[in-house]
Amino acid sequence: MPHFFIKKEQIINNFIELQECDDFFHLTKSLRIKLGGCVKFIDEDKNVYLSQIEDITKKSLKAKIISKKNSNRLLKTDLCLIQGVLALDSQNLLIANATQAGIKELFPIICDNSTVSIKNAKDKVDKWQKIAYENFKQCERADFLKIHPVSTLRETLGEFKKNNVLIFVEKEDNTTFDKAISDIDKQEKIAVVIGPEGGFSDREFEYFKTYKKLSLGKLIYKAPNAVVAAISNVVSRVEK
């Protein structure tokens, strides 16, 4: 059952009221929720409310809270994704995958081999944030994925401690997963780096010389799937 974000001030006398908004129309028009139907809501403190619809009008919805619990559907680690922007459909899938995998922050970058211009990419950030929110609802995450403005590789890597950057490449890997994780500071942000469809350029590899480079093995993944494989491997080691 998907859940929908609310603010605590929307809770009055054990009732949640939703006025005209995207979530209201999603519930009433797309899901066609009826009186007596159950809906989950989550607030900014990660409290999840199982609620029952008691009133629906053309402009609002009112639900009575049946139960309340704190959600644990989030990673303990502040895991971020730096990724070369992909073509439209692939980028949308990547954002859905990253949201479901628990990434906290996404840093889209334009690389040498990117097929998307920086202008077109910048125009898509609001749409990507909406895709992230739809997946937040579907997988019942307790926290939001934050998508940063489109930037460059060099500028973005500069925001992270070098030991906390894990660059996934198809060639020239210089460390193993366990070794790469061993000196990570789990109290700081950890960056997983994935390139665009054409991979990283020789110039970018030159810049990576002093960074940890890892391989996902003998197979070559499309970028949206590489994100899932990379994050899963990292999460299995840092979330112990």
C-alpha atoms as a PDB file:
ATOM      1  CA  MET A   1       0.000   0.000   0.000  1.00  0.00           C
ATOM      2  CA  PRO A   2       1.604   3.340  -0.997  1.00  0.00           C
ATOM      3  CA  HIS A   3       1.860   6.084   1.581  1.00  0.00           C
ATOM      4  CA  PHE A   4       1.438   9.833   1.142  1.00  0.00           C
ATOM      5  CA  PHE A   5       3.386  12.628   2.799  1.00  0.00           C
ATOM      6  CA  ILE A   6       1.619  15.020   5.171  1.00  0.00           C
ATOM      7  CA  LYS A   7       2.714  17.668   7.652  1.00  0.00           C
ATOM      8  CA  LYS A   8       1.848  17.290  11.323  1.00  0.00           C
ATOM      9  CA  GLU A   9      -0.391  20.360  11.228  1.00  0.00           C
ATOM     10  CA  GLN A  10      -2.725  18.426   8.904  1.00  0.00           C
ATOM     11  CA  ILE A  11      -3.597  16.166  11.849  1.00  0.00           C
ATOM     12  CA  ILE A  12      -6.465  17.574  13.926  1.00  0.00           C
ATOM     13  CA  ASN A  13      -8.337  15.608  16.596  1.00  0.00           C
ATOM     14  CA  ASN A  14      -7.074  12.263  15.276  1.00  0.00           C
ATOM     15  CA  PHE A  15      -8.131  13.093  11.701  1.00  0.00           C
ATOM     16  CA  ILE A  16      -5.998  13.806   8.640  1.00  0.00           C
ATOM     17  CA  GLU A  17      -7.387  16.213   6.051  1.00  0.00           C
ATOM     18  CA  LEU A  18      -6.073  16.488   2.511  1.00  0.00           C
ATOM     19  CA  GLN A  19      -7.049  19.524   0.460  1.00  0.00           C
ATOM     20  CA  GLU A  20      -6.750  19.904  -3.328  1.00  0.00           C
ATOM     21  CA  CYS A  21      -3.214  18.797  -4.236  1.00  0.00           C
ATOM     22  CA  ASP A  22      -1.455  16.173  -6.356  1.00  0.00           C
ATOM     23  CA  ASP A  23      -1.867  13.512  -3.662  1.00  0.00           C
ATOM     24  CA  PHE A  24      -5.565  14.302  -3.265  1.00  0.00           C
ATOM     25  CA  PHE A  25      -6.121  13.792  -6.999  1.00  0.00           C
ATOM     26  CA  HIS A  26      -3.938  10.678  -6.981  1.00  0.00           C
ATOM     27  CA  LEU A  27      -6.093   9.138  -4.275  1.00  0.00           C
ATOM     28  CA  THR A  28      -9.486  10.201  -5.616  1.00  0.00           C
ATOM     29  CA  LYS A  29      -8.947  10.138  -9.393  1.00  0.00           C
ATOM     30  CA  SER A  30      -6.219   7.544 -10.015  1.00  0.00           C
ATOM     31  CA  LEU A  31      -6.716   5.144  -7.101  1.00  0.00           C
ATOM     32  CA  ARG A  32     -10.455   5.936  -6.848  1.00  0.00           C
ATOM     33  CA  ILE A  33     -10.391   5.616  -3.064  1.00  0.00           C
ATOM     34  CA  LYS A  34     -13.851   5.182  -1.517  1.00  0.00           C
ATOM     35  CA  LEU A  35     -15.405   5.825   1.880  1.00  0.00           C
ATOM     36  CA  GLY A  36     -14.165   3.177   4.290  1.00  0.00           C
ATOM     37  CA  GLY A  37     -10.969   2.606   2.299  1.00  0.00           C
ATOM     38  CA  CYS A  38      -7.620   2.551   4.098  1.00  0.00           C
ATOM     39  CA  VAL A  39      -4.671   4.840   3.315  1.00  0.00           C
ATOM     40  CA  LYS A  40      -1.209   5.248   4.820  1.00  0.00           C
ATOM     41  CA  PHE A  41       0.230   8.705   5.484  1.00  0.00           C
ATOM     42  CA  ILE A  42       3.708   9.646   6.744  1.00  0.00           C
ATOM     43  CA  ASP A  43       4.801  12.914   8.378  1.00  0.00           C
ATOM     44  CA  GLU A  44       8.124  14.764   8.623  1.00  0.00           C
ATOM     45  CA  ASP A  45       9.027  12.839  11.800  1.00  0.00           C
ATOM     46  CA  LYS A  46       8.691   9.536   9.892  1.00  0.00           C
ATOM     47  CA  ASN A  47       5.483   8.590  11.735  1.00  0.00           C
ATOM     48  CA  VAL A  48       3.247   6.372   9.605  1.00  0.00           C
ATOM     49  CA  TYR A  49      -0.516   6.606  10.086  1.00  0.00           C
ATOM     50  CA  LEU A  50      -2.854   3.859   8.919  1.00  0.00           C
ATOM     51  CA  SER A  51      -6.085   5.762   8.295  1.00  0.00           C
ATOM     52  CA  GLN A  52      -9.637   5.101   7.134  1.00  0.00           C
ATOM     53  CA  ILE A  53     -11.475   7.465   4.773  1.00  0.00           C
ATOM     54  CA  GLU A  54     -14.526   9.005   6.451  1.00  0.00           C
ATOM     55  CA  ASP A  55     -15.374  11.860   4.095  1.00  0.00           C
ATOM     56  CA  ILE A  56     -14.637  12.808   0.476  1.00  0.00           C
ATOM     57  CA  THR A  57     -15.721  15.956  -1.330  1.00  0.00           C
ATOM     58  CA  LYS A  58     -14.657  17.461  -4.665  1.00  0.00           C
ATOM     59  CA  LYS A  59     -11.980  19.470  -2.866  1.00  0.00           C
ATOM     60  CA  SER A  60     -10.941  17.542   0.232  1.00  0.00           C
ATOM     61  CA  LEU A  61     -10.555  14.174   1.885  1.00  0.00           C
ATOM     62  CA  LYS A  62     -10.800  13.342   5.583  1.00  0.00           C
ATOM     63  CA  ALA A  63      -9.379  10.182   7.152  1.00  0.00           C
ATOM     64  CA  LYS A  64      -9.510   8.888  10.729  1.00  0.00           C
ATOM     65  CA  ILE A  65      -6.239   7.610  12.186  1.00  0.00           C
ATOM     66  CA  ILE A  66      -6.469   3.929  13.132  1.00  0.00           C
ATOM     67  CA  SER A  67      -2.857   3.324  14.177  1.00  0.00           C
ATOM     68  CA  LYS A  68       0.501   5.082  14.309  1.00  0.00           C
ATOM     69  CA  LYS A  69       4.079   3.768  14.180  1.00  0.00           C
ATOM     70  CA  ASN A  70       7.541   5.113  13.386  1.00  0.00           C
ATOM     71  CA  SER A  71       8.937   3.931  10.057  1.00  0.00           C
ATOM     72  CA  ASN A  72      12.362   2.306   9.781  1.00  0.00           C
ATOM     73  CA  ARG A  73      12.350   2.138   5.974  1.00  0.00           C
ATOM     74  CA  LEU A  74      15.540   4.122   5.444  1.00  0.00           C
ATOM     75  CA  LEU A  75      19.282   3.554   5.379  1.00  0.00           C
ATOM     76  CA  LYS A  76      21.361   4.438   8.422  1.00  0.00           C
ATOM     77  CA  THR A  77      24.162   5.556   6.104  1.00  0.00           C
ATOM     78  CA  ASP A  78      24.072   8.852   4.223  1.00  0.00           C
ATOM     79  CA  LEU A  79      24.557   7.214   0.821  1.00  0.00           C
ATOM     80  CA  CYS A  80      24.675   9.513  -2.212  1.00  0.00           C
ATOM     81  CA  LEU A  81      24.754   8.895  -5.952  1.00  0.00           C
ATOM     82  CA  ILE A  82      26.825  10.884  -8.435  1.00  0.00           C
ATOM     83  CA  GLN A  83      25.707   9.915 -11.935  1.00  0.00           C
ATOM     84  CA  GLY A  84      26.272  10.969 -15.501  1.00  0.00           C
ATOM     85  CA  VAL A  85      22.916  12.163 -16.854  1.00  0.00           C
ATOM     86  CA  LEU A  86      21.328   9.642 -19.237  1.00  0.00           C
ATOM     87  CA  ALA A  87      18.863   9.890 -22.104  1.00  0.00           C
ATOM     88  CA  LEU A  88      15.258  10.573 -21.031  1.00  0.00           C
ATOM     89  CA  ASP A  89      13.740   7.126 -20.374  1.00  0.00           C
ATOM     90  CA  SER A  90      16.948   5.696 -18.929  1.00  0.00           C
ATOM     91  CA  GLN A  91      17.342   8.662 -16.583  1.00  0.00           C
ATOM     92  CA  ASN A  92      13.770   8.295 -15.333  1.00  0.00           C
ATOM     93  CA  LEU A  93      14.372   4.598 -14.628  1.00  0.00           C
ATOM     94  CA  LEU A  94      17.643   5.360 -12.873  1.00  0.00           C
ATOM     95  CA  ILE A  95      15.922   7.826 -10.531  1.00  0.00           C
ATOM     96  CA  ALA A  96      13.211   5.293  -9.734  1.00  0.00           C
ATOM     97  CA  ASN A  97      15.867   2.664  -8.990  1.00  0.00           C
ATOM     98  CA  ALA A  98      17.946   5.040  -6.860  1.00  0.00           C
ATOM     99  CA  THR A  99      14.901   6.031  -4.805  1.00  0.00           C
ATOM    100  CA  GLN A 100      13.903   2.442  -4.161  1.00  0.00           C
ATOM    101  CA  ALA A 101      17.497   1.518  -3.272  1.00  0.00           C
ATOM    102  CA  GLY A 102      17.575   4.127  -0.477  1.00  0.00           C
ATOM    103  CA  ILE A 103      19.907   6.779  -1.917  1.00  0.00           C
ATOM    104  CA  LYS A 104      19.656   9.968   0.195  1.00  0.00           C
ATOM    105  CA  GLU A 105      20.979  12.509  -2.324  1.00  0.00           C
ATOM    106  CA  LEU A 106      21.435  12.384  -6.087  1.00  0.00           C
ATOM    107  CA  PHE A 107      24.000  14.571  -7.871  1.00  0.00           C
ATOM    108  CA  PRO A 108      23.384  14.573 -11.649  1.00  0.00           C
ATOM    109  CA  ILE A 109      26.483  15.526 -13.625  1.00  0.00           C
ATOM    110  CA  ILE A 110      27.386  16.152 -17.243  1.00  0.00           C
ATOM    111  CA  CYS A 111      30.349  14.019 -18.344  1.00  0.00           C
ATOM    112  CA  ASP A 112      32.498  14.036 -21.474  1.00  0.00           C
ATOM    113  CA  ASN A 113      30.456  11.187 -22.980  1.00  0.00           C
ATOM    114  CA  SER A 114      27.015  12.444 -21.915  1.00  0.00           C
ATOM    115  CA  THR A 115      24.473  12.529 -24.748  1.00  0.00           C
ATOM    116  CA  VAL A 116      22.373  15.163 -22.947  1.00  0.00           C
ATOM    117  CA  SER A 117      23.302  18.858 -22.886  1.00  0.00           C
ATOM    118  CA  ILE A 118      23.662  20.605 -19.554  1.00  0.00           C
ATOM    119  CA  LYS A 119      20.809  22.989 -20.482  1.00  0.00           C
ATOM    120  CA  ASN A 120      18.367  20.155 -21.235  1.00  0.00           C
ATOM    121  CA  ALA A 121      19.422  18.324 -18.083  1.00  0.00           C
ATOM    122  CA  LYS A 122      18.857  21.390 -15.893  1.00  0.00           C
ATOM    123  CA  ASP A 123      15.322  21.700 -17.279  1.00  0.00           C
ATOM    124  CA  LYS A 124      14.499  18.156 -16.112  1.00  0.00           C
ATOM    125  CA  VAL A 125      15.362  18.417 -12.403  1.00  0.00           C
ATOM    126  CA  ASP A 126      11.812  19.260 -11.263  1.00  0.00           C
ATOM    127  CA  LYS A 127      10.450  16.310 -13.245  1.00  0.00           C
ATOM    128  CA  TRP A 128      13.066  13.996 -11.744  1.00  0.00           C
ATOM    129  CA  GLN A 129      12.082  15.143  -8.252  1.00  0.00           C
ATOM    130  CA  LYS A 130       8.461  14.222  -9.003  1.00  0.00           C
ATOM    131  CA  ILE A 131       9.543  10.762 -10.188  1.00  0.00           C
ATOM    132  CA  ALA A 132      11.492  10.348  -6.946  1.00  0.00           C
ATOM    133  CA  TYR A 133       8.404  11.323  -4.933  1.00  0.00           C
ATOM    134  CA  GLU A 134       6.194   8.823  -6.778  1.00  0.00           C
ATOM    135  CA  ASN A 135       8.670   6.080  -5.939  1.00  0.00           C
ATOM    136  CA  PHE A 136       8.950   7.338  -2.355  1.00  0.00           C
ATOM    137  CA  LYS A 137       5.207   6.663  -2.064  1.00  0.00           C
ATOM    138  CA  GLN A 138       5.287   3.274  -3.761  1.00  0.00           C
ATOM    139  CA  CYS A 139       8.168   1.776  -1.778  1.00  0.00           C
ATOM    140  CA  GLU A 140       7.060   3.415   1.489  1.00  0.00           C
ATOM    141  CA  ARG A 141      10.379   5.133   2.152  1.00  0.00           C
ATOM    142  CA  ALA A 142      10.618   7.069   5.389  1.00  0.00           C
ATOM    143  CA  ASP A 143      12.786   9.807   3.866  1.00  0.00           C
ATOM    144  CA  PHE A 144      12.955  11.730   0.602  1.00  0.00           C
ATOM    145  CA  LEU A 145      15.561  11.518  -2.127  1.00  0.00           C
ATOM    146  CA  LYS A 146      17.007  15.004  -2.655  1.00  0.00           C
ATOM    147  CA  ILE A 147      18.081  15.783  -6.234  1.00  0.00           C
ATOM    148  CA  HIS A 148      20.721  18.491  -6.567  1.00  0.00           C
ATOM    149  CA  PRO A 149      21.114  20.904  -9.493  1.00  0.00           C
ATOM    150  CA  VAL A 150      23.038  19.548 -12.487  1.00  0.00           C
ATOM    151  CA  SER A 151      26.788  20.127 -12.106  1.00  0.00           C
ATOM    152  CA  THR A 152      30.170  18.863 -13.280  1.00  0.00           C
ATOM    153  CA  LEU A 153      32.172  15.865 -12.153  1.00  0.00           C
ATOM    154  CA  ARG A 154      35.031  17.868 -10.660  1.00  0.00           C
ATOM    155  CA  GLU A 155      32.794  20.248  -8.708  1.00  0.00           C
ATOM    156  CA  THR A 156      30.675  17.427  -7.308  1.00  0.00           C
ATOM    157  CA  LEU A 157      33.525  15.154  -6.244  1.00  0.00           C
ATOM    158  CA  GLY A 158      34.969  18.108  -4.326  1.00  0.00           C
ATOM    159  CA  GLU A 159      32.021  17.945  -1.929  1.00  0.00           C
ATOM    160  CA  PHE A 160      33.060  14.537  -0.575  1.00  0.00           C
ATOM    161  CA  LYS A 161      35.963  13.149   1.421  1.00  0.00           C
ATOM    162  CA  LYS A 162      38.177  11.279  -1.052  1.00  0.00           C
ATOM    163  CA  ASN A 163      38.097   8.041   0.967  1.00  0.00           C
ATOM    164  CA  ASN A 164      34.288   8.133   0.853  1.00  0.00           C
ATOM    165  CA  VAL A 165      34.080   8.194  -2.962  1.00  0.00           C
ATOM    166  CA  LEU A 166      33.523   4.863  -4.747  1.00  0.00           C
ATOM    167  CA  ILE A 167      33.826   5.097  -8.541  1.00  0.00           C
ATOM    168  CA  PHE A 168      32.345   2.187 -10.480  1.00  0.00           C
ATOM    169  CA  VAL A 169      33.997   1.547 -13.832  1.00  0.00           C
ATOM    170  CA  GLU A 170      34.242  -1.193 -16.447  1.00  0.00           C
ATOM    171  CA  LYS A 171      38.036  -1.074 -16.573  1.00  0.00           C
ATOM    172  CA  GLU A 172      41.052  -0.201 -14.461  1.00  0.00           C
ATOM    173  CA  ASP A 173      39.505  -1.130 -11.102  1.00  0.00           C
ATOM    174  CA  ASN A 174      42.192  -0.733  -8.452  1.00  0.00           C
ATOM    175  CA  THR A 175      40.595  -2.108  -5.295  1.00  0.00           C
ATOM    176  CA  THR A 176      38.168  -4.696  -3.946  1.00  0.00           C
ATOM    177  CA  PHE A 177      34.822  -3.937  -2.308  1.00  0.00           C
ATOM    178  CA  ASP A 178      35.974  -4.936   1.161  1.00  0.00           C
ATOM    179  CA  LYS A 179      39.194  -2.917   0.904  1.00  0.00           C
ATOM    180  CA  ALA A 180      37.347   0.109  -0.469  1.00  0.00           C
ATOM    181  CA  ILE A 181      34.866   0.046   2.411  1.00  0.00           C
ATOM    182  CA  SER A 182      37.457  -0.547   5.143  1.00  0.00           C
ATOM    183  CA  ASP A 183      38.585   3.090   5.524  1.00  0.00           C
ATOM    184  CA  ILE A 184      35.265   4.792   4.836  1.00  0.00           C
ATOM    185  CA  ASP A 185      34.002   7.259   7.450  1.00  0.00           C
ATOM    186  CA  LYS A 186      30.409   6.125   7.981  1.00  0.00           C
ATOM    187  CA  GLN A 187      29.584   9.337   9.821  1.00  0.00           C
ATOM    188  CA  GLU A 188      30.142  11.293   6.594  1.00  0.00           C
ATOM    189  CA  LYS A 189      28.415  11.149   3.213  1.00  0.00           C
ATOM    190  CA  ILE A 190      29.415   8.232   0.991  1.00  0.00           C
ATOM    191  CA  ALA A 191      29.342   8.747  -2.789  1.00  0.00           C
ATOM    192  CA  VAL A 192      28.688   6.035  -5.362  1.00  0.00           C
ATOM    193  CA  VAL A 193      29.750   7.254  -8.823  1.00  0.00           C
ATOM    194  CA  ILE A 194      28.231   5.876 -12.046  1.00  0.00           C
ATOM    195  CA  GLY A 195      29.040   7.153 -15.537  1.00  0.00           C
ATOM    196  CA  PRO A 196      26.773   7.900 -18.531  1.00  0.00           C
ATOM    197  CA  GLU A 197      25.864   5.458 -21.324  1.00  0.00           C
ATOM    198  CA  GLY A 198      29.280   5.767 -22.969  1.00  0.00           C
ATOM    199  CA  GLY A 199      31.198   5.408 -19.726  1.00  0.00           C
ATOM    200  CA  PHE A 200      33.903   7.778 -18.515  1.00  0.00           C
ATOM    201  CA  SER A 201      36.415   9.315 -20.914  1.00  0.00           C
ATOM    202  CA  ASP A 202      40.205   8.853 -20.795  1.00  0.00           C
ATOM    203  CA  ARG A 203      40.451  12.425 -19.498  1.00  0.00           C
ATOM    204  CA  GLU A 204      38.086  11.597 -16.618  1.00  0.00           C
ATOM    205  CA  PHE A 205      40.010   8.399 -15.850  1.00  0.00           C
ATOM    206  CA  GLU A 206      43.125  10.524 -15.546  1.00  0.00           C
ATOM    207  CA  TYR A 207      41.321  12.626 -12.953  1.00  0.00           C
ATOM    208  CA  PHE A 208      40.289   9.420 -11.103  1.00  0.00           C
ATOM    209  CA  LYS A 209      43.904   8.337 -10.541  1.00  0.00           C
ATOM    210  CA  THR A 210      43.852   9.002  -6.799  1.00  0.00           C
ATOM    211  CA  TYR A 211      40.304   7.707  -6.230  1.00  0.00           C
ATOM    212  CA  LYS A 212      39.018   4.225  -5.438  1.00  0.00           C
ATOM    213  CA  LYS A 213      37.809   2.473  -8.586  1.00  0.00           C
ATOM    214  CA  LEU A 214      35.687  -0.659  -8.385  1.00  0.00           C
ATOM    215  CA  SER A 215      34.258  -3.105 -10.892  1.00  0.00           C
ATOM    216  CA  LEU A 216      30.871  -4.847 -10.829  1.00  0.00           C
ATOM    217  CA  GLY A 217      32.467  -7.983 -12.243  1.00  0.00           C
ATOM    218  CA  LYS A 218      32.682  -9.539 -15.693  1.00  0.00           C
ATOM    219  CA  LEU A 219      29.260  -8.390 -16.900  1.00  0.00           C
ATOM    220  CA  ILE A 220      28.504  -4.940 -18.284  1.00  0.00           C
ATOM    221  CA  TYR A 221      25.313  -3.318 -16.975  1.00  0.00           C
ATOM    222  CA  LYS A 222      23.189  -0.570 -18.388  1.00  0.00           C
ATOM    223  CA  ALA A 223      23.484   2.472 -16.121  1.00  0.00           C
ATOM    224  CA  PRO A 224      20.058   2.154 -14.356  1.00  0.00           C
ATOM    225  CA  ASN A 225      20.883  -1.465 -13.484  1.00  0.00           C
ATOM    226  CA  ALA A 226      24.480  -0.647 -12.556  1.00  0.00           C
ATOM    227  CA  VAL A 227      23.080   1.738  -9.937  1.00  0.00           C
ATOM    228  CA  VAL A 228      21.120  -1.093  -8.291  1.00  0.00           C
ATOM    229  CA  ALA A 229      24.079  -3.486  -8.394  1.00  0.00           C
ATOM    230  CA  ALA A 230      26.540  -0.919  -7.021  1.00  0.00           C
ATOM    231  CA  ILE A 231      24.272   0.342  -4.253  1.00  0.00           C
ATOM    232  CA  SER A 232      23.301  -3.177  -3.192  1.00  0.00           C
ATOM    233  CA  ASN A 233      26.954  -4.160  -2.851  1.00  0.00           C
ATOM    234  CA  VAL A 234      27.782  -1.038  -0.841  1.00  0.00           C
ATOM    235  CA  VAL A 235      24.701  -1.258   1.395  1.00  0.00           C
ATOM    236  CA  SER A 236      25.394  -4.919   2.237  1.00  0.00           C
ATOM    237  CA  ARG A 237      28.761  -3.854   3.651  1.00  0.00           C
ATOM    238  CA  VAL A 238      28.161  -0.462   5.297  1.00  0.00           C
ATOM    239  CA  GLU A 239      24.761  -1.147   6.871  1.00  0.00           C
ATOM    240  CA  LYS A 240      25.945  -4.026   9.088  1.00  0.00           C
END
